[in-house]
Amino acid sequence: MIPSTQERIAIVDLADDLQVRKQRIFKILLRLGIRPTQRRDANRGNQNVATVNPSEAAAIRAEIERSSDASGTGNSPSSGGTAAFTSDDVGFFYMIQLEPDHDPGRFKVGFTTDLDGRLQKHRCAAPFAQYLKSWPCKRIWERAAMDCVTNGCERLHTEVFRAGSLEELAARAQAFFSMMPRLQVDSDDEQDSEAAGGPG
């Protein structure tokens, strides 16, 4: 079945699903000779985002799985294991308050390379969700940061917890990240427009 030309997948969403940085996907696009198409996205303030069609997304996914297998990690997004990544992946560790008015102590923590996209996904299930705070983070720090922040909290789901004082937990996270090496997180907006194939 040939996919509809209207059916496009945003690079930022694909990167988040595969748990890799957008820059890695743009490098794979160049290697595979795929030129992304720009599309206005209402969920991102009507900004232009780079998109691919479903068959191109499948080729990108296969390339990431192939490089993961070649590196000996044994992890691939389709195998049910942890998504393919490299230890130097840098993104953000975040705290999201899921129901600020009705259940102010319920929150989610995690890692993402796309803060805006991640919040939009959570708002599908929790429309009033809002970020409490985020910190530049290496992917390999996520588990330690989560254990530090959520120690003593009631676990509701894999990354969802309830606590009495979210300010205290944010202070714990701040203390954790103040001990870690300083990270520089690239400006994705600038890199998106360049990597999406401006003039040329």
N, C-alpha and C. Protein backbone atom coordinates (compact mmCIF):
# COMPACT_ATOMS: atom_id res chain seq x y z
N MET A 1 0.84 -1.19 0.00
CA MET A 1 0.00 0.00 0.00
C MET A 1 0.88 1.24 0.00
N ILE A 2 0.62 2.15 -0.92
CA ILE A 2 1.42 3.37 -1.03
C ILE A 2 0.87 4.41 -0.07
N PRO A 3 1.73 4.97 0.80
CA PRO A 3 1.24 5.95 1.76
C PRO A 3 0.77 7.22 1.08
N SER A 4 -0.20 7.88 1.67
CA SER A 4 -0.71 9.13 1.16
C SER A 4 0.37 10.20 1.24
N THR A 5 0.37 11.10 0.25
CA THR A 5 1.35 12.18 0.28
C THR A 5 1.03 13.16 1.41
N GLN A 6 -0.23 13.12 1.91
CA GLN A 6 -0.61 13.99 3.02
C GLN A 6 -0.06 13.47 4.35
N GLU A 7 0.27 12.20 4.40
CA GLU A 7 0.70 11.57 5.64
C GLU A 7 2.19 11.84 5.84
N ARG A 8 2.50 12.80 6.70
CA ARG A 8 3.89 13.19 6.93
C ARG A 8 4.23 13.01 8.41
N ILE A 9 5.48 12.72 8.69
CA ILE A 9 5.94 12.52 10.05
C ILE A 9 7.00 13.57 10.34
N ALA A 10 6.79 14.34 11.38
CA ALA A 10 7.76 15.39 11.75
C ALA A 10 9.05 14.73 12.25
N ILE A 11 10.18 15.27 11.82
CA ILE A 11 11.48 14.75 12.26
C ILE A 11 11.59 14.79 13.78
N VAL A 12 11.08 15.87 14.40
CA VAL A 12 11.17 15.96 15.86
C VAL A 12 10.39 14.85 16.54
N ASP A 13 9.23 14.48 15.97
CA ASP A 13 8.44 13.38 16.54
C ASP A 13 9.13 12.04 16.33
N LEU A 14 9.70 11.86 15.14
CA LEU A 14 10.42 10.62 14.84
C LEU A 14 11.61 10.46 15.78
N ALA A 15 12.35 11.55 15.99
CA ALA A 15 13.51 11.50 16.89
C ALA A 15 13.07 11.15 18.31
N ASP A 16 11.96 11.74 18.74
CA ASP A 16 11.48 11.47 20.09
C ASP A 16 11.01 10.02 20.22
N ASP A 17 10.32 9.51 19.21
CA ASP A 17 9.87 8.11 19.24
C ASP A 17 11.05 7.15 19.28
N LEU A 18 12.10 7.46 18.50
CA LEU A 18 13.27 6.58 18.43
C LEU A 18 14.27 6.87 19.55
N GLN A 19 14.01 7.95 20.31
CA GLN A 19 14.89 8.37 21.40
C GLN A 19 16.33 8.60 20.91
N VAL A 20 16.42 9.36 19.82
CA VAL A 20 17.71 9.81 19.32
C VAL A 20 17.62 11.31 19.08
N ARG A 21 18.75 11.95 18.94
CA ARG A 21 18.76 13.39 18.68
C ARG A 21 18.34 13.66 17.24
N LYS A 22 17.70 14.81 17.04
CA LYS A 22 17.29 15.19 15.69
C LYS A 22 18.49 15.28 14.75
N GLN A 23 19.61 15.76 15.28
CA GLN A 23 20.80 15.90 14.45
C GLN A 23 21.22 14.56 13.86
N ARG A 24 21.05 13.48 14.64
CA ARG A 24 21.41 12.15 14.13
C ARG A 24 20.50 11.77 12.96
N ILE A 25 19.23 12.09 13.06
CA ILE A 25 18.31 11.78 11.96
C ILE A 25 18.65 12.60 10.73
N PHE A 26 19.00 13.87 10.91
CA PHE A 26 19.37 14.68 9.75
C PHE A 26 20.62 14.13 9.07
N LYS A 27 21.57 13.61 9.84
CA LYS A 27 22.76 12.98 9.24
C LYS A 27 22.37 11.75 8.44
N ILE A 28 21.43 10.97 8.98
CA ILE A 28 20.97 9.77 8.26
C ILE A 28 20.23 10.17 6.99
N LEU A 29 19.45 11.25 7.04
CA LEU A 29 18.76 11.73 5.84
C LEU A 29 19.76 12.02 4.72
N LEU A 30 20.86 12.70 5.07
CA LEU A 30 21.90 13.00 4.07
C LEU A 30 22.49 11.73 3.51
N ARG A 31 22.79 10.77 4.41
CA ARG A 31 23.41 9.52 3.99
C ARG A 31 22.48 8.73 3.06
N LEU A 32 21.17 8.78 3.34
CA LEU A 32 20.21 8.02 2.53
C LEU A 32 19.70 8.81 1.32
N GLY A 33 20.13 10.06 1.22
CA GLY A 33 19.69 10.88 0.08
C GLY A 33 18.23 11.30 0.18
N ILE A 34 17.71 11.41 1.39
CA ILE A 34 16.31 11.81 1.60
C ILE A 34 16.28 13.30 1.89
N ARG A 35 15.43 14.01 1.18
CA ARG A 35 15.29 15.45 1.41
C ARG A 35 13.95 15.69 2.11
N PRO A 36 13.97 16.16 3.37
CA PRO A 36 12.72 16.37 4.09
C PRO A 36 11.90 17.51 3.50
N THR A 37 10.62 17.49 3.75
CA THR A 37 9.70 18.52 3.28
C THR A 37 9.26 19.36 4.47
N GLN A 38 9.19 20.66 4.27
CA GLN A 38 8.73 21.56 5.34
C GLN A 38 7.20 21.56 5.39
N ARG A 39 6.67 21.61 6.64
CA ARG A 39 5.23 21.66 6.84
C ARG A 39 4.95 22.53 8.06
N ARG A 40 3.90 23.33 8.00
CA ARG A 40 3.50 24.12 9.17
C ARG A 40 2.79 23.20 10.15
N ASP A 41 3.17 23.32 11.44
CA ASP A 41 2.62 22.44 12.46
C ASP A 41 1.86 23.29 13.48
N ALA A 42 0.54 23.10 13.54
CA ALA A 42 -0.30 23.87 14.45
C ALA A 42 0.05 23.61 15.91
N ASN A 43 0.54 22.39 16.20
CA ASN A 43 0.91 22.05 17.59
C ASN A 43 2.17 22.75 18.05
N ARG A 44 2.91 23.33 17.11
CA ARG A 44 4.15 24.03 17.46
C ARG A 44 4.09 25.49 17.03
N GLY A 45 2.95 26.12 17.32
CA GLY A 45 2.81 27.54 17.03
C GLY A 45 2.84 27.87 15.56
N ASN A 46 2.42 26.92 14.72
CA ASN A 46 2.38 27.10 13.26
C ASN A 46 3.77 27.30 12.65
N GLN A 47 4.80 26.81 13.35
CA GLN A 47 6.16 26.89 12.82
C GLN A 47 6.36 25.85 11.74
N ASN A 48 7.31 26.13 10.84
CA ASN A 48 7.70 25.14 9.83
C ASN A 48 8.51 24.05 10.50
N VAL A 49 8.17 22.79 10.23
CA VAL A 49 8.96 21.67 10.74
C VAL A 49 9.32 20.76 9.56
N ALA A 50 10.46 20.12 9.68
CA ALA A 50 10.90 19.18 8.64
C ALA A 50 10.15 17.87 8.82
N THR A 51 9.66 17.30 7.71
CA THR A 51 8.89 16.06 7.76
C THR A 51 9.39 15.07 6.70
N VAL A 52 9.06 13.80 6.93
CA VAL A 52 9.33 12.74 5.95
C VAL A 52 8.06 11.92 5.79
N ASN A 53 8.00 11.15 4.72
CA ASN A 53 6.83 10.28 4.56
C ASN A 53 7.05 8.97 5.31
N PRO A 54 6.02 8.14 5.46
CA PRO A 54 6.16 6.91 6.25
C PRO A 54 7.23 5.94 5.74
N SER A 55 7.40 5.83 4.44
CA SER A 55 8.43 4.90 3.94
C SER A 55 9.83 5.44 4.23
N GLU A 56 10.00 6.76 4.16
CA GLU A 56 11.29 7.36 4.52
C GLU A 56 11.55 7.18 6.01
N ALA A 57 10.49 7.34 6.82
CA ALA A 57 10.64 7.13 8.27
C ALA A 57 11.05 5.69 8.57
N ALA A 58 10.48 4.74 7.82
CA ALA A 58 10.83 3.32 8.01
C ALA A 58 12.29 3.08 7.65
N ALA A 59 12.77 3.74 6.60
CA ALA A 59 14.17 3.59 6.20
C ALA A 59 15.09 4.18 7.26
N ILE A 60 14.70 5.29 7.84
CA ILE A 60 15.50 5.90 8.92
C ILE A 60 15.54 4.98 10.13
N ARG A 61 14.39 4.43 10.48
CA ARG A 61 14.30 3.51 11.62
C ARG A 61 15.20 2.29 11.39
N ALA A 62 15.16 1.75 10.18
CA ALA A 62 15.99 0.57 9.85
C ALA A 62 17.47 0.91 9.94
N GLU A 63 17.83 2.11 9.49
CA GLU A 63 19.24 2.53 9.55
C GLU A 63 19.71 2.66 10.99
N ILE A 64 18.86 3.21 11.85
CA ILE A 64 19.22 3.36 13.26
C ILE A 64 19.35 1.99 13.91
N GLU A 65 18.44 1.06 13.59
CA GLU A 65 18.53 -0.30 14.14
C GLU A 65 19.79 -1.00 13.65
N ARG A 66 20.11 -0.80 12.37
CA ARG A 66 21.30 -1.43 11.80
C ARG A 66 22.56 -0.90 12.49
N SER A 67 22.63 0.42 12.70
CA SER A 67 23.83 0.97 13.35
C SER A 67 23.89 0.57 14.81
N SER A 68 22.73 0.39 15.44
CA SER A 68 22.70 -0.08 16.83
C SER A 68 23.22 -1.50 16.92
N ASP A 69 22.76 -2.37 16.01
CA ASP A 69 23.22 -3.76 16.00
C ASP A 69 24.72 -3.84 15.72
N ALA A 70 25.19 -2.99 14.80
CA ALA A 70 26.61 -3.00 14.44
C ALA A 70 27.48 -2.55 15.61
N SER A 71 26.91 -1.66 16.46
CA SER A 71 27.70 -1.17 17.59
C SER A 71 27.71 -2.14 18.75
N GLY A 72 26.87 -3.19 18.64
CA GLY A 72 26.86 -4.21 19.69
C GLY A 72 26.02 -3.89 20.88
N THR A 73 25.16 -2.84 20.79
CA THR A 73 24.33 -2.51 21.94
C THR A 73 23.19 -3.51 22.10
N GLY A 74 22.76 -4.10 20.97
CA GLY A 74 21.67 -5.07 21.04
C GLY A 74 20.32 -4.45 21.29
N ASN A 75 20.26 -3.13 21.31
CA ASN A 75 18.99 -2.45 21.56
C ASN A 75 18.45 -1.90 20.26
N SER A 76 17.16 -2.03 20.06
CA SER A 76 16.54 -1.41 18.91
C SER A 76 15.12 -1.03 19.27
N PRO A 77 14.61 0.06 18.67
CA PRO A 77 13.29 0.52 19.02
C PRO A 77 12.22 -0.52 18.77
N SER A 78 12.39 -1.40 17.79
CA SER A 78 11.34 -2.37 17.47
C SER A 78 11.47 -3.66 18.26
N SER A 79 12.57 -3.86 18.96
CA SER A 79 12.77 -5.13 19.65
C SER A 79 12.22 -5.12 21.06
N GLY A 80 11.65 -3.99 21.47
CA GLY A 80 11.10 -3.89 22.81
C GLY A 80 12.14 -3.49 23.83
N GLY A 81 13.40 -3.36 23.41
CA GLY A 81 14.45 -2.92 24.32
C GLY A 81 14.52 -1.42 24.35
N THR A 82 15.54 -0.92 25.00
CA THR A 82 15.76 0.52 25.01
C THR A 82 16.11 0.97 23.61
N ALA A 83 15.62 2.14 23.23
CA ALA A 83 15.88 2.64 21.88
C ALA A 83 17.38 2.86 21.69
N ALA A 84 17.77 2.80 20.42
CA ALA A 84 19.19 2.98 20.11
C ALA A 84 19.65 4.37 20.47
N PHE A 85 20.78 4.48 21.12
CA PHE A 85 21.32 5.78 21.45
C PHE A 85 22.81 5.65 21.68
N THR A 86 23.48 6.79 21.71
CA THR A 86 24.88 6.79 22.06
C THR A 86 25.02 7.46 23.42
N SER A 87 26.09 7.13 24.12
CA SER A 87 26.24 7.61 25.49
C SER A 87 26.41 9.12 25.57
N ASP A 88 26.75 9.77 24.45
CA ASP A 88 26.93 11.22 24.52
C ASP A 88 25.68 11.98 24.07
N ASP A 89 24.54 11.28 23.88
CA ASP A 89 23.30 11.97 23.55
C ASP A 89 22.99 12.97 24.65
N VAL A 90 22.70 14.20 24.24
CA VAL A 90 22.38 15.26 25.18
C VAL A 90 21.00 15.81 24.87
N GLY A 91 20.20 15.96 25.89
CA GLY A 91 18.87 16.53 25.76
C GLY A 91 18.51 17.21 27.06
N PHE A 92 17.33 16.87 27.59
CA PHE A 92 16.86 17.48 28.82
C PHE A 92 16.21 16.45 29.73
N PHE A 93 16.48 16.58 31.01
CA PHE A 93 15.71 15.88 32.03
C PHE A 93 14.63 16.86 32.46
N TYR A 94 13.39 16.39 32.52
CA TYR A 94 12.29 17.32 32.80
C TYR A 94 11.41 16.82 33.94
N MET A 95 10.73 17.76 34.56
CA MET A 95 9.66 17.49 35.52
C MET A 95 8.41 18.16 34.98
N ILE A 96 7.35 17.38 34.79
CA ILE A 96 6.07 17.91 34.32
C ILE A 96 5.03 17.69 35.42
N GLN A 97 4.33 18.76 35.77
CA GLN A 97 3.18 18.65 36.67
C GLN A 97 1.98 18.32 35.79
N LEU A 98 1.36 17.16 36.01
CA LEU A 98 0.34 16.66 35.10
C LEU A 98 -1.03 17.31 35.30
N GLU A 99 -1.44 17.49 36.53
CA GLU A 99 -2.75 18.08 36.84
C GLU A 99 -2.57 19.18 37.89
N PRO A 100 -2.12 20.36 37.49
CA PRO A 100 -1.79 21.41 38.46
C PRO A 100 -2.93 21.75 39.42
N ASP A 101 -4.18 21.76 38.94
CA ASP A 101 -5.31 22.16 39.80
C ASP A 101 -5.92 20.99 40.56
N HIS A 102 -6.13 19.86 39.90
CA HIS A 102 -6.88 18.76 40.50
C HIS A 102 -6.02 17.76 41.27
N ASP A 103 -4.75 17.63 40.91
CA ASP A 103 -3.85 16.69 41.60
C ASP A 103 -2.44 17.27 41.54
N PRO A 104 -2.20 18.37 42.29
CA PRO A 104 -0.95 19.12 42.13
C PRO A 104 0.31 18.34 42.47
N GLY A 105 0.19 17.25 43.20
CA GLY A 105 1.38 16.48 43.57
C GLY A 105 1.75 15.41 42.56
N ARG A 106 0.94 15.23 41.50
CA ARG A 106 1.23 14.19 40.51
C ARG A 106 2.13 14.77 39.42
N PHE A 107 3.24 14.09 39.16
CA PHE A 107 4.21 14.62 38.21
C PHE A 107 4.87 13.48 37.42
N LYS A 108 5.49 13.87 36.33
CA LYS A 108 6.23 12.92 35.49
C LYS A 108 7.64 13.46 35.31
N VAL A 109 8.59 12.55 35.32
CA VAL A 109 9.98 12.91 35.03
C VAL A 109 10.46 12.06 33.86
N GLY A 110 11.46 12.54 33.15
CA GLY A 110 12.01 11.76 32.05
C GLY A 110 13.04 12.54 31.26
N PHE A 111 13.46 11.94 30.17
CA PHE A 111 14.47 12.54 29.29
C PHE A 111 13.85 12.74 27.92
N THR A 112 14.17 13.84 27.28
CA THR A 112 13.74 14.08 25.91
C THR A 112 14.77 14.94 25.20
N THR A 113 14.79 14.83 23.88
CA THR A 113 15.61 15.73 23.08
C THR A 113 14.75 16.84 22.49
N ASP A 114 13.43 16.81 22.77
CA ASP A 114 12.50 17.80 22.21
C ASP A 114 11.48 18.19 23.27
N LEU A 115 11.75 19.24 24.02
CA LEU A 115 10.87 19.64 25.11
C LEU A 115 9.46 19.98 24.63
N ASP A 116 9.35 20.78 23.57
CA ASP A 116 8.03 21.19 23.09
C ASP A 116 7.21 19.99 22.62
N GLY A 117 7.84 19.12 21.83
CA GLY A 117 7.14 17.95 21.33
C GLY A 117 6.70 17.01 22.43
N ARG A 118 7.56 16.83 23.43
CA ARG A 118 7.23 15.93 24.54
C ARG A 118 6.03 16.46 25.32
N LEU A 119 6.01 17.77 25.58
CA LEU A 119 4.89 18.35 26.33
C LEU A 119 3.59 18.20 25.54
N GLN A 120 3.65 18.43 24.21
CA GLN A 120 2.45 18.29 23.40
C GLN A 120 1.89 16.87 23.48
N LYS A 121 2.78 15.87 23.46
CA LYS A 121 2.32 14.48 23.56
C LYS A 121 1.64 14.22 24.90
N HIS A 122 2.22 14.74 25.99
CA HIS A 122 1.62 14.53 27.30
C HIS A 122 0.29 15.25 27.42
N ARG A 123 0.15 16.37 26.73
CA ARG A 123 -1.11 17.11 26.81
C ARG A 123 -2.26 16.41 26.10
N CYS A 124 -1.97 15.40 25.29
CA CYS A 124 -3.05 14.60 24.70
C CYS A 124 -3.82 13.88 25.81
N ALA A 125 -3.12 13.42 26.85
CA ALA A 125 -3.75 12.71 27.96
C ALA A 125 -3.99 13.62 29.16
N ALA A 126 -3.15 14.65 29.32
CA ALA A 126 -3.26 15.57 30.45
C ALA A 126 -3.19 16.99 29.91
N PRO A 127 -4.34 17.54 29.48
CA PRO A 127 -4.36 18.82 28.75
C PRO A 127 -3.77 20.02 29.49
N PHE A 128 -3.72 19.93 30.84
CA PHE A 128 -3.24 21.08 31.60
C PHE A 128 -1.80 20.88 32.08
N ALA A 129 -1.14 19.85 31.58
CA ALA A 129 0.23 19.56 31.99
C ALA A 129 1.13 20.76 31.70
N GLN A 130 2.09 20.98 32.60
CA GLN A 130 3.04 22.09 32.41
C GLN A 130 4.40 21.69 32.98
N TYR A 131 5.44 22.22 32.36
CA TYR A 131 6.78 21.97 32.87
C TYR A 131 6.98 22.69 34.19
N LEU A 132 7.56 21.99 35.15
CA LEU A 132 8.02 22.65 36.37
C LEU A 132 9.42 23.18 36.14
N LYS A 133 10.25 22.33 35.53
CA LYS A 133 11.64 22.72 35.28
C LYS A 133 12.26 21.67 34.38
N SER A 134 13.34 22.06 33.72
CA SER A 134 14.12 21.10 32.93
C SER A 134 15.58 21.47 33.06
N TRP A 135 16.44 20.46 32.86
CA TRP A 135 17.88 20.64 32.99
C TRP A 135 18.58 19.95 31.84
N PRO A 136 19.63 20.56 31.25
CA PRO A 136 20.43 19.84 30.26
C PRO A 136 20.95 18.54 30.88
N CYS A 137 20.87 17.46 30.10
CA CYS A 137 21.14 16.13 30.67
C CYS A 137 21.65 15.19 29.60
N LYS A 138 22.61 14.34 29.96
CA LYS A 138 22.98 13.23 29.08
C LYS A 138 21.98 12.11 29.29
N ARG A 139 21.68 11.40 28.22
CA ARG A 139 20.71 10.32 28.32
C ARG A 139 21.11 9.29 29.39
N ILE A 140 22.40 9.02 29.49
CA ILE A 140 22.85 8.01 30.45
C ILE A 140 22.70 8.46 31.90
N TRP A 141 22.41 9.75 32.13
CA TRP A 141 22.18 10.22 33.50
C TRP A 141 20.73 10.06 33.93
N GLU A 142 19.83 9.79 33.00
CA GLU A 142 18.39 9.82 33.29
C GLU A 142 18.01 8.95 34.48
N ARG A 143 18.44 7.70 34.50
CA ARG A 143 18.02 6.79 35.57
C ARG A 143 18.50 7.28 36.94
N ALA A 144 19.76 7.74 37.01
CA ALA A 144 20.27 8.24 38.29
C ALA A 144 19.52 9.49 38.74
N ALA A 145 19.24 10.39 37.79
CA ALA A 145 18.50 11.61 38.12
C ALA A 145 17.10 11.26 38.61
N MET A 146 16.45 10.32 37.94
CA MET A 146 15.10 9.92 38.33
C MET A 146 15.09 9.31 39.73
N ASP A 147 16.05 8.43 40.00
CA ASP A 147 16.13 7.81 41.33
C ASP A 147 16.38 8.85 42.42
N CYS A 148 17.21 9.82 42.11
CA CYS A 148 17.53 10.89 43.07
C CYS A 148 16.28 11.73 43.37
N VAL A 149 15.60 12.16 42.31
CA VAL A 149 14.47 13.07 42.46
C VAL A 149 13.27 12.39 43.12
N THR A 150 13.00 11.14 42.75
CA THR A 150 11.75 10.49 43.17
C THR A 150 11.89 9.63 44.42
N ASN A 151 13.05 9.64 45.04
CA ASN A 151 13.26 8.84 46.25
C ASN A 151 12.20 9.21 47.30
N GLY A 152 11.43 8.20 47.77
CA GLY A 152 10.41 8.44 48.77
C GLY A 152 9.06 8.85 48.22
N CYS A 153 8.94 9.00 46.89
CA CYS A 153 7.66 9.38 46.28
C CYS A 153 6.81 8.14 46.01
N GLU A 154 5.51 8.35 45.90
CA GLU A 154 4.60 7.27 45.54
C GLU A 154 4.66 7.07 44.02
N ARG A 155 5.02 5.85 43.59
CA ARG A 155 5.09 5.57 42.15
C ARG A 155 3.69 5.19 41.66
N LEU A 156 3.21 5.90 40.63
CA LEU A 156 1.89 5.63 40.06
C LEU A 156 2.01 4.86 38.75
N HIS A 157 3.09 5.09 38.04
CA HIS A 157 3.36 4.44 36.76
C HIS A 157 4.86 4.49 36.56
N THR A 158 5.34 4.02 35.42
CA THR A 158 6.78 3.92 35.19
C THR A 158 7.53 5.21 35.53
N GLU A 159 7.08 6.34 34.99
CA GLU A 159 7.75 7.61 35.23
C GLU A 159 6.82 8.64 35.85
N VAL A 160 5.70 8.18 36.41
CA VAL A 160 4.71 9.07 37.01
C VAL A 160 4.66 8.81 38.52
N PHE A 161 4.72 9.90 39.29
CA PHE A 161 4.80 9.80 40.75
C PHE A 161 3.88 10.83 41.39
N ARG A 162 3.71 10.68 42.71
CA ARG A 162 3.00 11.69 43.49
C ARG A 162 3.85 12.04 44.70
N ALA A 163 3.88 13.33 45.02
CA ALA A 163 4.68 13.79 46.16
C ALA A 163 3.98 14.97 46.82
N GLY A 164 4.38 15.27 48.05
CA GLY A 164 3.79 16.39 48.78
C GLY A 164 4.30 17.73 48.30
N SER A 165 5.60 17.83 48.03
CA SER A 165 6.20 19.12 47.65
C SER A 165 7.03 18.97 46.39
N LEU A 166 6.51 19.48 45.28
CA LEU A 166 7.26 19.41 44.03
C LEU A 166 8.43 20.39 44.04
N GLU A 167 8.31 21.45 44.83
CA GLU A 167 9.42 22.40 44.94
C GLU A 167 10.64 21.72 45.57
N GLU A 168 10.39 20.86 46.56
CA GLU A 168 11.48 20.13 47.20
C GLU A 168 12.15 19.18 46.21
N LEU A 169 11.33 18.54 45.36
CA LEU A 169 11.89 17.62 44.37
C LEU A 169 12.68 18.37 43.30
N ALA A 170 12.19 19.54 42.91
CA ALA A 170 12.93 20.36 41.94
C ALA A 170 14.27 20.78 42.53
N ALA A 171 14.28 21.07 43.84
CA ALA A 171 15.54 21.43 44.51
C ALA A 171 16.50 20.25 44.53
N ARG A 172 15.96 19.03 44.71
CA ARG A 172 16.80 17.82 44.65
C ARG A 172 17.43 17.68 43.27
N ALA A 173 16.59 17.87 42.24
CA ALA A 173 17.09 17.76 40.87
C ALA A 173 18.16 18.81 40.61
N GLN A 174 17.91 20.03 41.09
CA GLN A 174 18.89 21.11 40.90
C GLN A 174 20.23 20.74 41.54
N ALA A 175 20.14 20.15 42.75
CA ALA A 175 21.36 19.74 43.44
C ALA A 175 22.08 18.64 42.66
N PHE A 176 21.31 17.69 42.12
CA PHE A 176 21.90 16.60 41.33
C PHE A 176 22.65 17.17 40.12
N PHE A 177 21.98 18.03 39.35
CA PHE A 177 22.59 18.53 38.12
C PHE A 177 23.71 19.53 38.40
N SER A 178 23.70 20.17 39.57
CA SER A 178 24.80 21.09 39.89
C SER A 178 26.11 20.33 40.11
N MET A 179 26.01 19.02 40.42
CA MET A 179 27.22 18.20 40.62
C MET A 179 27.72 17.58 39.31
N MET A 180 26.90 17.63 38.25
CA MET A 180 27.26 17.00 36.99
C MET A 180 28.01 17.99 36.11
N PRO A 181 28.78 17.48 35.14
CA PRO A 181 29.48 18.40 34.21
C PRO A 181 28.48 19.29 33.48
N ARG A 182 28.89 20.51 33.21
CA ARG A 182 28.03 21.45 32.48
C ARG A 182 27.90 20.98 31.04
N LEU A 183 26.69 21.06 30.51
CA LEU A 183 26.43 20.63 29.14
C LEU A 183 25.96 21.80 28.30
N GLN A 184 26.33 21.76 27.04
CA GLN A 184 25.85 22.74 26.07
C GLN A 184 24.82 22.05 25.20
N VAL A 185 23.59 22.53 25.21
CA VAL A 185 22.55 21.96 24.37
C VAL A 185 22.41 22.84 23.14
N ASP A 186 22.52 22.22 21.95
CA ASP A 186 22.45 22.97 20.70
C ASP A 186 21.09 23.61 20.51
N SER A 187 21.07 24.69 19.74
CA SER A 187 19.80 25.31 19.35
C SER A 187 19.22 24.51 18.21
N ASP A 188 18.19 23.72 18.52
CA ASP A 188 17.60 22.84 17.50
C ASP A 188 16.91 23.62 16.39
N ASP A 189 16.31 24.77 16.74
CA ASP A 189 15.59 25.52 15.72
C ASP A 189 16.49 25.93 14.57
N GLU A 190 17.71 26.43 14.91
CA GLU A 190 18.64 26.84 13.86
C GLU A 190 19.09 25.62 13.07
N GLN A 191 19.38 24.53 13.75
CA GLN A 191 19.89 23.35 13.05
C GLN A 191 18.82 22.71 12.19
N ASP A 192 17.53 22.80 12.64
CA ASP A 192 16.45 22.25 11.83
C ASP A 192 16.39 22.93 10.48
N SER A 193 16.44 24.26 10.48
CA SER A 193 16.28 24.97 9.22
C SER A 193 17.47 24.72 8.31
N GLU A 194 18.67 24.58 8.87
CA GLU A 194 19.84 24.32 8.04
C GLU A 194 19.81 22.88 7.52
N ALA A 195 19.53 21.93 8.42
CA ALA A 195 19.58 20.52 8.03
C ALA A 195 18.42 20.13 7.14
N ALA A 196 17.35 20.89 7.19
CA ALA A 196 16.18 20.53 6.39
C ALA A 196 16.38 20.91 4.93
N GLY A 197 17.53 21.42 4.60
CA GLY A 197 17.86 21.68 3.20
C GLY A 197 17.33 23.01 2.75
N GLY A 198 17.91 24.06 3.26
CA GLY A 198 17.54 25.39 2.80
C GLY A 198 17.85 25.52 1.33
N PRO A 199 18.39 26.61 0.89
CA PRO A 199 18.71 26.77 -0.52
C PRO A 199 19.75 25.76 -0.97
N GLY A 200 19.62 25.32 -2.16
CA GLY A 200 20.64 24.43 -2.68
C GLY A 200 20.01 23.24 -3.20
